[in-house]
PDB file of all heavy atoms in Angstrom:
ATOM      1  N   PRO A   1      14.771   2.988  -7.781  1.00  0.00           N
ATOM      2  CA  PRO A   1      13.880   3.564  -6.785  1.00  0.00           C
ATOM      3  C   PRO A   1      12.502   3.806  -7.290  1.00  0.00           C
ATOM      4  O   PRO A   1      11.533   3.913  -6.464  1.00  0.00           O
ATOM      5  CB  PRO A   1      14.540   4.932  -6.322  1.00  0.00           C
ATOM      6  CG  PRO A   1      15.997   4.720  -6.645  1.00  0.00           C
ATOM      7  CD  PRO A   1      15.920   3.869  -7.892  1.00  0.00           C
ATOM      8  N   MET A   2      12.275   3.865  -8.615  1.00  0.00           N
ATOM      9  CA  MET A   2      10.964   4.053  -9.162  1.00  0.00           C
ATOM     10  C   MET A   2      10.049   2.885  -8.751  1.00  0.00           C
ATOM     11  O   MET A   2       8.856   3.111  -8.561  1.00  0.00           O
ATOM     12  CB  MET A   2      11.046   4.302 -10.623  1.00  0.00           C
ATOM     13  CG  MET A   2      11.664   5.610 -11.048  1.00  0.00           C
ATOM     14  SD  MET A   2      11.894   5.695 -12.851  1.00  0.00           S
ATOM     15  CE  MET A   2      10.220   6.100 -13.364  1.00  0.00           C
ATOM     16  N   LEU A   3      10.630   1.748  -8.652  1.00  0.00           N
ATOM     17  CA  LEU A   3       9.879   0.508  -8.173  1.00  0.00           C
ATOM     18  C   LEU A   3       9.930   0.368  -6.736  1.00  0.00           C
ATOM     19  O   LEU A   3       9.004   0.156  -5.985  1.00  0.00           O
ATOM     20  CB  LEU A   3      10.171  -0.668  -8.984  1.00  0.00           C
ATOM     21  CG  LEU A   3       9.604  -1.875  -8.513  1.00  0.00           C
ATOM     22  CD1 LEU A   3       8.103  -1.841  -8.765  1.00  0.00           C
ATOM     23  CD2 LEU A   3      10.128  -3.171  -9.221  1.00  0.00           C
ATOM     24  N   LEU A   4      11.222   0.411  -6.192  1.00  0.00           N
ATOM     25  CA  LEU A   4      11.446   0.061  -4.785  1.00  0.00           C
ATOM     26  C   LEU A   4      10.844   1.021  -3.774  1.00  0.00           C
ATOM     27  O   LEU A   4      10.435   0.556  -2.727  1.00  0.00           O
ATOM     28  CB  LEU A   4      12.954  -0.022  -4.519  1.00  0.00           C
ATOM     29  CG  LEU A   4      13.739  -1.097  -5.302  1.00  0.00           C
ATOM     30  CD1 LEU A   4      15.201  -1.018  -5.120  1.00  0.00           C
ATOM     31  CD2 LEU A   4      13.220  -2.531  -4.967  1.00  0.00           C
ATOM     32  N   SER A   5      10.606   2.308  -4.247  1.00  0.00           N
ATOM     33  CA  SER A   5      10.051   3.184  -3.374  1.00  0.00           C
ATOM     34  C   SER A   5       8.576   2.912  -3.015  1.00  0.00           C
ATOM     35  O   SER A   5       7.975   3.339  -1.966  1.00  0.00           O
ATOM     36  CB  SER A   5      10.089   4.685  -3.887  1.00  0.00           C
ATOM     37  OG  SER A   5       9.251   4.758  -5.025  1.00  0.00           O
ATOM     38  N   THR A   6       7.954   2.038  -3.857  1.00  0.00           N
ATOM     39  CA  THR A   6       6.546   1.695  -3.589  1.00  0.00           C
ATOM     40  C   THR A   6       6.465   0.688  -2.519  1.00  0.00           C
ATOM     41  O   THR A   6       5.405   0.305  -2.079  1.00  0.00           O
ATOM     42  CB  THR A   6       5.834   1.174  -4.890  1.00  0.00           C
ATOM     43  OG1 THR A   6       6.531  -0.071  -5.304  1.00  0.00           O
ATOM     44  CG2 THR A   6       5.848   2.126  -5.987  1.00  0.00           C
ATOM     45  N   PHE A   7       7.586   0.090  -2.036  1.00  0.00           N
ATOM     46  CA  PHE A   7       7.600  -0.895  -1.060  1.00  0.00           C
ATOM     47  C   PHE A   7       8.080  -0.321   0.390  1.00  0.00           C
ATOM     48  O   PHE A   7       8.310  -1.038   1.270  1.00  0.00           O
ATOM     49  CB  PHE A   7       8.542  -2.075  -1.346  1.00  0.00           C
ATOM     50  CG  PHE A   7       7.854  -2.838  -2.538  1.00  0.00           C
ATOM     51  CD1 PHE A   7       8.444  -2.633  -3.802  1.00  0.00           C
ATOM     52  CD2 PHE A   7       6.800  -3.714  -2.363  1.00  0.00           C
ATOM     53  CE1 PHE A   7       7.940  -3.327  -4.879  1.00  0.00           C
ATOM     54  CE2 PHE A   7       6.243  -4.309  -3.514  1.00  0.00           C
ATOM     55  CZ  PHE A   7       6.842  -4.245  -4.705  1.00  0.00           C
ATOM     56  N   SER A   8       8.293   1.014   0.409  1.00  0.00           N
ATOM     57  CA  SER A   8       8.781   1.578   1.671  1.00  0.00           C
ATOM     58  C   SER A   8       7.697   2.636   1.999  1.00  0.00           C
ATOM     59  O   SER A   8       7.040   3.228   1.173  1.00  0.00           O
ATOM     60  CB  SER A   8      10.112   2.290   1.482  1.00  0.00           C
ATOM     61  OG  SER A   8      10.128   3.317   0.475  1.00  0.00           O
ATOM     62  N   HIS A   9       7.595   3.000   3.338  1.00  0.00           N
ATOM     63  CA  HIS A   9       6.631   3.872   3.833  1.00  0.00           C
ATOM     64  C   HIS A   9       7.278   4.750   4.933  1.00  0.00           C
ATOM     65  O   HIS A   9       8.255   4.189   5.654  1.00  0.00           O
ATOM     66  CB  HIS A   9       5.321   3.090   4.431  1.00  0.00           C
ATOM     67  CG  HIS A   9       4.593   2.591   3.243  1.00  0.00           C
ATOM     68  ND1 HIS A   9       4.826   1.360   2.583  1.00  0.00           N
ATOM     69  CD2 HIS A   9       3.468   3.031   2.572  1.00  0.00           C
ATOM     70  CE1 HIS A   9       4.051   1.115   1.656  1.00  0.00           C
ATOM     71  NE2 HIS A   9       3.150   2.225   1.621  1.00  0.00           N
ATOM     72  N   PHE A  10       6.736   5.789   5.175  1.00  0.00           N
ATOM     73  CA  PHE A  10       7.182   6.782   6.194  1.00  0.00           C
ATOM     74  C   PHE A  10       6.926   6.347   7.553  1.00  0.00           C
ATOM     75  O   PHE A  10       7.722   6.545   8.409  1.00  0.00           O
ATOM     76  CB  PHE A  10       6.664   8.228   5.823  1.00  0.00           C
ATOM     77  CG  PHE A  10       7.081   9.263   6.785  1.00  0.00           C
ATOM     78  CD1 PHE A  10       8.401   9.789   6.757  1.00  0.00           C
ATOM     79  CD2 PHE A  10       6.169   9.735   7.867  1.00  0.00           C
ATOM     80  CE1 PHE A  10       8.813  10.713   7.601  1.00  0.00           C
ATOM     81  CE2 PHE A  10       6.641  10.678   8.676  1.00  0.00           C
ATOM     82  CZ  PHE A  10       7.998  11.209   8.555  1.00  0.00           C
ATOM     83  N   SER A  11       5.874   5.831   7.819  1.00  0.00           N
ATOM     84  CA  SER A  11       5.377   5.397   9.125  1.00  0.00           C
ATOM     85  C   SER A  11       4.537   4.202   9.115  1.00  0.00           C
ATOM     86  O   SER A  11       4.030   3.773   8.009  1.00  0.00           O
ATOM     87  CB  SER A  11       4.726   6.547   9.894  1.00  0.00           C
ATOM     88  OG  SER A  11       3.465   6.801   9.163  1.00  0.00           O
ATOM     89  N   LEU A  12       4.210   3.620  10.217  1.00  0.00           N
ATOM     90  CA  LEU A  12       3.292   2.517  10.318  1.00  0.00           C
ATOM     91  C   LEU A  12       1.941   2.941   9.903  1.00  0.00           C
ATOM     92  O   LEU A  12       1.139   2.206   9.207  1.00  0.00           O
ATOM     93  CB  LEU A  12       3.308   1.957  11.781  1.00  0.00           C
ATOM     94  CG  LEU A  12       2.528   0.664  11.994  1.00  0.00           C
ATOM     95  CD1 LEU A  12       3.022  -0.452  11.052  1.00  0.00           C
ATOM     96  CD2 LEU A  12       2.590   0.284  13.398  1.00  0.00           C
ATOM     97  N   PHE A  13       1.512   4.164  10.263  1.00  0.00           N
ATOM     98  CA  PHE A  13       0.174   4.587   9.924  1.00  0.00           C
ATOM     99  C   PHE A  13       0.091   4.771   8.351  1.00  0.00           C
ATOM    100  O   PHE A  13      -0.936   4.391   7.780  1.00  0.00           O
ATOM    101  CB  PHE A  13      -0.194   5.931  10.531  1.00  0.00           C
ATOM    102  CG  PHE A  13      -1.415   6.561  10.060  1.00  0.00           C
ATOM    103  CD1 PHE A  13      -2.632   6.094  10.509  1.00  0.00           C
ATOM    104  CD2 PHE A  13      -1.520   7.618   9.165  1.00  0.00           C
ATOM    105  CE1 PHE A  13      -3.830   6.616  10.159  1.00  0.00           C
ATOM    106  CE2 PHE A  13      -2.691   8.099   8.770  1.00  0.00           C
ATOM    107  CZ  PHE A  13      -3.881   7.608   9.311  1.00  0.00           C
ATOM    108  N   HIS A  14       1.152   5.312   7.729  1.00  0.00           N
ATOM    109  CA  HIS A  14       1.197   5.556   6.281  1.00  0.00           C
ATOM    110  C   HIS A  14       0.982   4.149   5.611  1.00  0.00           C
ATOM    111  O   HIS A  14       0.316   4.001   4.709  1.00  0.00           O
ATOM    112  CB  HIS A  14       2.572   6.148   5.853  1.00  0.00           C
ATOM    113  CG  HIS A  14       2.780   6.386   4.406  1.00  0.00           C
ATOM    114  ND1 HIS A  14       4.023   6.437   3.901  1.00  0.00           N
ATOM    115  CD2 HIS A  14       1.892   6.657   3.427  1.00  0.00           C
ATOM    116  CE1 HIS A  14       3.955   6.725   2.626  1.00  0.00           C
ATOM    117  NE2 HIS A  14       2.601   6.805   2.281  1.00  0.00           N
ATOM    118  N   MET A  15       1.783   3.087   6.057  1.00  0.00           N
ATOM    119  CA  MET A  15       1.728   1.776   5.525  1.00  0.00           C
ATOM    120  C   MET A  15       0.297   1.194   5.684  1.00  0.00           C
ATOM    121  O   MET A  15      -0.317   0.631   4.822  1.00  0.00           O
ATOM    122  CB  MET A  15       2.754   0.883   5.988  1.00  0.00           C
ATOM    123  CG  MET A  15       2.773  -0.513   5.374  1.00  0.00           C
ATOM    124  SD  MET A  15       4.177  -1.546   5.899  1.00  0.00           S
ATOM    125  CE  MET A  15       3.475  -2.064   7.379  1.00  0.00           C
ATOM    126  N   ALA A  16      -0.312   1.389   6.915  1.00  0.00           N
ATOM    127  CA  ALA A  16      -1.587   0.813   7.339  1.00  0.00           C
ATOM    128  C   ALA A  16      -2.630   1.304   6.435  1.00  0.00           C
ATOM    129  O   ALA A  16      -3.555   0.693   5.886  1.00  0.00           O
ATOM    130  CB  ALA A  16      -1.821   0.997   8.810  1.00  0.00           C
ATOM    131  N   ALA A  17      -2.572   2.681   6.194  1.00  0.00           N
ATOM    132  CA  ALA A  17      -3.600   3.356   5.419  1.00  0.00           C
ATOM    133  C   ALA A  17      -3.536   2.898   3.888  1.00  0.00           C
ATOM    134  O   ALA A  17      -4.594   2.552   3.333  1.00  0.00           O
ATOM    135  CB  ALA A  17      -3.381   4.856   5.407  1.00  0.00           C
ATOM    136  N   ASN A  18      -2.274   2.744   3.357  1.00  0.00           N
ATOM    137  CA  ASN A  18      -2.225   2.252   1.955  1.00  0.00           C
ATOM    138  C   ASN A  18      -2.642   0.781   1.977  1.00  0.00           C
ATOM    139  O   ASN A  18      -3.346   0.333   0.879  1.00  0.00           O
ATOM    140  CB  ASN A  18      -0.754   2.280   1.500  1.00  0.00           C
ATOM    141  CG  ASN A  18      -0.424   3.744   0.958  1.00  0.00           C
ATOM    142  OD1 ASN A  18      -1.369   4.494   0.599  1.00  0.00           O
ATOM    143  ND2 ASN A  18       0.781   4.066   0.896  1.00  0.00           N
ATOM    144  N   MET A  19      -2.336  -0.063   2.811  1.00  0.00           N
ATOM    145  CA  MET A  19      -2.585  -1.482   2.841  1.00  0.00           C
ATOM    146  C   MET A  19      -4.095  -1.657   2.995  1.00  0.00           C
ATOM    147  O   MET A  19      -4.715  -2.543   2.463  1.00  0.00           O
ATOM    148  CB  MET A  19      -1.799  -2.238   3.797  1.00  0.00           C
ATOM    149  CG  MET A  19      -0.286  -2.357   3.533  1.00  0.00           C
ATOM    150  SD  MET A  19       0.060  -2.919   1.844  1.00  0.00           S
ATOM    151  CE  MET A  19       0.554  -1.375   1.035  1.00  0.00           C
ATOM    152  N   TYR A  20      -4.765  -0.768   3.756  1.00  0.00           N
ATOM    153  CA  TYR A  20      -6.242  -0.833   3.931  1.00  0.00           C
ATOM    154  C   TYR A  20      -6.949  -0.680   2.661  1.00  0.00           C
ATOM    155  O   TYR A  20      -7.809  -1.375   2.266  1.00  0.00           O
ATOM    156  CB  TYR A  20      -6.746   0.093   5.043  1.00  0.00           C
ATOM    157  CG  TYR A  20      -8.164   0.026   5.155  1.00  0.00           C
ATOM    158  CD1 TYR A  20      -8.871  -1.068   5.747  1.00  0.00           C
ATOM    159  CD2 TYR A  20      -9.017   1.013   4.566  1.00  0.00           C
ATOM    160  CE1 TYR A  20     -10.234  -1.108   5.843  1.00  0.00           C
ATOM    161  CE2 TYR A  20     -10.364   0.923   4.685  1.00  0.00           C
ATOM    162  CZ  TYR A  20     -11.012  -0.088   5.240  1.00  0.00           C
ATOM    163  OH  TYR A  20     -12.349  -0.127   5.313  1.00  0.00           O
ATOM    164  N   VAL A  21      -6.531   0.438   1.982  1.00  0.00           N
ATOM    165  CA  VAL A  21      -7.175   0.742   0.672  1.00  0.00           C
ATOM    166  C   VAL A  21      -6.898  -0.374  -0.379  1.00  0.00           C
ATOM    167  O   VAL A  21      -7.759  -0.832  -1.045  1.00  0.00           O
ATOM    168  CB  VAL A  21      -6.629   2.155   0.154  1.00  0.00           C
ATOM    169  CG1 VAL A  21      -7.190   2.388  -1.249  1.00  0.00           C
ATOM    170  CG2 VAL A  21      -7.052   3.215   0.978  1.00  0.00           C
ATOM    171  N   LEU A  22      -5.566  -0.835  -0.394  1.00  0.00           N
ATOM    172  CA  LEU A  22      -5.274  -1.906  -1.328  1.00  0.00           C
ATOM    173  C   LEU A  22      -6.164  -3.130  -0.962  1.00  0.00           C
ATOM    174  O   LEU A  22      -6.745  -3.904  -1.847  1.00  0.00           O
ATOM    175  CB  LEU A  22      -3.804  -2.295  -1.171  1.00  0.00           C
ATOM    176  CG  LEU A  22      -3.330  -3.489  -2.253  1.00  0.00           C
ATOM    177  CD1 LEU A  22      -3.618  -3.135  -3.642  1.00  0.00           C
ATOM    178  CD2 LEU A  22      -1.839  -3.698  -1.905  1.00  0.00           C
ATOM    179  N   TRP A  23      -6.252  -3.531   0.393  1.00  0.00           N
ATOM    180  CA  TRP A  23      -7.091  -4.705   0.696  1.00  0.00           C
ATOM    181  C   TRP A  23      -8.485  -4.573   0.362  1.00  0.00           C
ATOM    182  O   TRP A  23      -9.222  -5.402  -0.153  1.00  0.00           O
ATOM    183  CB  TRP A  23      -6.965  -4.943   2.245  1.00  0.00           C
ATOM    184  CG  TRP A  23      -7.873  -5.981   2.810  1.00  0.00           C
ATOM    185  CD1 TRP A  23      -7.660  -7.292   2.643  1.00  0.00           C
ATOM    186  CD2 TRP A  23      -9.048  -5.751   3.471  1.00  0.00           C
ATOM    187  NE1 TRP A  23      -8.684  -8.006   3.325  1.00  0.00           N
ATOM    188  CE2 TRP A  23      -9.578  -7.009   3.821  1.00  0.00           C
ATOM    189  CE3 TRP A  23      -9.763  -4.655   3.897  1.00  0.00           C
ATOM    190  CZ2 TRP A  23     -10.825  -7.211   4.471  1.00  0.00           C
ATOM    191  CZ3 TRP A  23     -10.955  -4.833   4.585  1.00  0.00           C
ATOM    192  CH2 TRP A  23     -11.442  -6.097   4.859  1.00  0.00           C
ATOM    193  N   SER A  24      -9.027  -3.249   0.488  1.00  0.00           N
ATOM    194  CA  SER A  24     -10.446  -2.969   0.178  1.00  0.00           C
ATOM    195  C   SER A  24     -10.827  -3.153  -1.278  1.00  0.00           C
ATOM    196  O   SER A  24     -11.860  -3.622  -1.589  1.00  0.00           O
ATOM    197  CB  SER A  24     -10.807  -1.532   0.544  1.00  0.00           C
ATOM    198  OG  SER A  24     -10.635  -1.414   1.924  1.00  0.00           O
ATOM    199  N   PHE A  25      -9.754  -2.911  -2.211  1.00  0.00           N
ATOM    200  CA  PHE A  25     -10.126  -2.992  -3.566  1.00  0.00           C
ATOM    201  C   PHE A  25      -9.488  -4.276  -4.281  1.00  0.00           C
ATOM    202  O   PHE A  25      -9.685  -4.470  -5.434  1.00  0.00           O
ATOM    203  CB  PHE A  25      -9.628  -1.723  -4.306  1.00  0.00           C
ATOM    204  CG  PHE A  25     -10.587  -0.500  -3.989  1.00  0.00           C
ATOM    205  CD1 PHE A  25     -10.302   0.232  -2.888  1.00  0.00           C
ATOM    206  CD2 PHE A  25     -11.647  -0.235  -4.742  1.00  0.00           C
ATOM    207  CE1 PHE A  25     -11.050   1.321  -2.642  1.00  0.00           C
ATOM    208  CE2 PHE A  25     -12.383   0.841  -4.552  1.00  0.00           C
ATOM    209  CZ  PHE A  25     -12.105   1.762  -3.466  1.00  0.00           C
ATOM    210  N   SER A  26      -8.660  -4.956  -3.522  1.00  0.00           N
ATOM    211  CA  SER A  26      -7.898  -6.105  -4.092  1.00  0.00           C
ATOM    212  C   SER A  26      -8.787  -7.198  -4.720  1.00  0.00           C
ATOM    213  O   SER A  26      -8.571  -7.705  -5.799  1.00  0.00           O
ATOM    214  CB  SER A  26      -6.942  -6.663  -3.158  1.00  0.00           C
ATOM    215  OG  SER A  26      -7.593  -7.165  -2.075  1.00  0.00           O
ATOM    216  N   SER A  27      -9.813  -7.592  -4.007  1.00  0.00           N
ATOM    217  CA  SER A  27     -10.649  -8.607  -4.531  1.00  0.00           C
ATOM    218  C   SER A  27     -11.338  -8.235  -5.753  1.00  0.00           C
ATOM    219  O   SER A  27     -11.538  -9.031  -6.787  1.00  0.00           O
ATOM    220  CB  SER A  27     -11.666  -9.186  -3.495  1.00  0.00           C
ATOM    221  OG  SER A  27     -12.540  -8.088  -3.157  1.00  0.00           O
ATOM    222  N   SER A  28     -11.784  -6.977  -5.944  1.00  0.00           N
ATOM    223  CA  SER A  28     -12.420  -6.498  -7.186  1.00  0.00           C
ATOM    224  C   SER A  28     -11.501  -6.440  -8.317  1.00  0.00           C
ATOM    225  O   SER A  28     -11.772  -6.861  -9.441  1.00  0.00           O
ATOM    226  CB  SER A  28     -13.056  -5.089  -6.907  1.00  0.00           C
ATOM    227  OG  SER A  28     -13.998  -5.139  -5.897  1.00  0.00           O
ATOM    228  N   ILE A  29     -10.244  -5.902  -8.018  1.00  0.00           N
ATOM    229  CA  ILE A  29      -9.266  -5.826  -9.206  1.00  0.00           C
ATOM    230  C   ILE A  29      -8.794  -7.218  -9.662  1.00  0.00           C
ATOM    231  O   ILE A  29      -8.549  -7.446 -10.902  1.00  0.00           O
ATOM    232  CB  ILE A  29      -8.124  -4.874  -8.886  1.00  0.00           C
ATOM    233  CG1 ILE A  29      -7.350  -4.393 -10.079  1.00  0.00           C
ATOM    234  CG2 ILE A  29      -7.153  -5.521  -7.785  1.00  0.00           C
ATOM    235  CD1 ILE A  29      -8.023  -3.510 -10.987  1.00  0.00           C
ATOM    236  N   VAL A  30      -8.649  -8.109  -8.705  1.00  0.00           N
ATOM    237  CA  VAL A  30      -8.144  -9.476  -9.066  1.00  0.00           C
ATOM    238  C   VAL A  30      -9.228 -10.159  -9.884  1.00  0.00           C
ATOM    239  O   VAL A  30      -8.999 -10.842 -10.790  1.00  0.00           O
ATOM    240  CB  VAL A  30      -7.697 -10.188  -7.906  1.00  0.00           C
ATOM    241  CG1 VAL A  30      -7.438 -11.749  -8.214  1.00  0.00           C
ATOM    242  CG2 VAL A  30      -6.388  -9.660  -7.311  1.00  0.00           C
TER     243      VAL A  30
END
């Protein structure tokens, strides 16, 4: 669960907020 919990989210809003931040910074980090 230390890894698998990072792929589950409480709600669609929770997932959308996390994915937006990841998308915003992904090109820079890559």
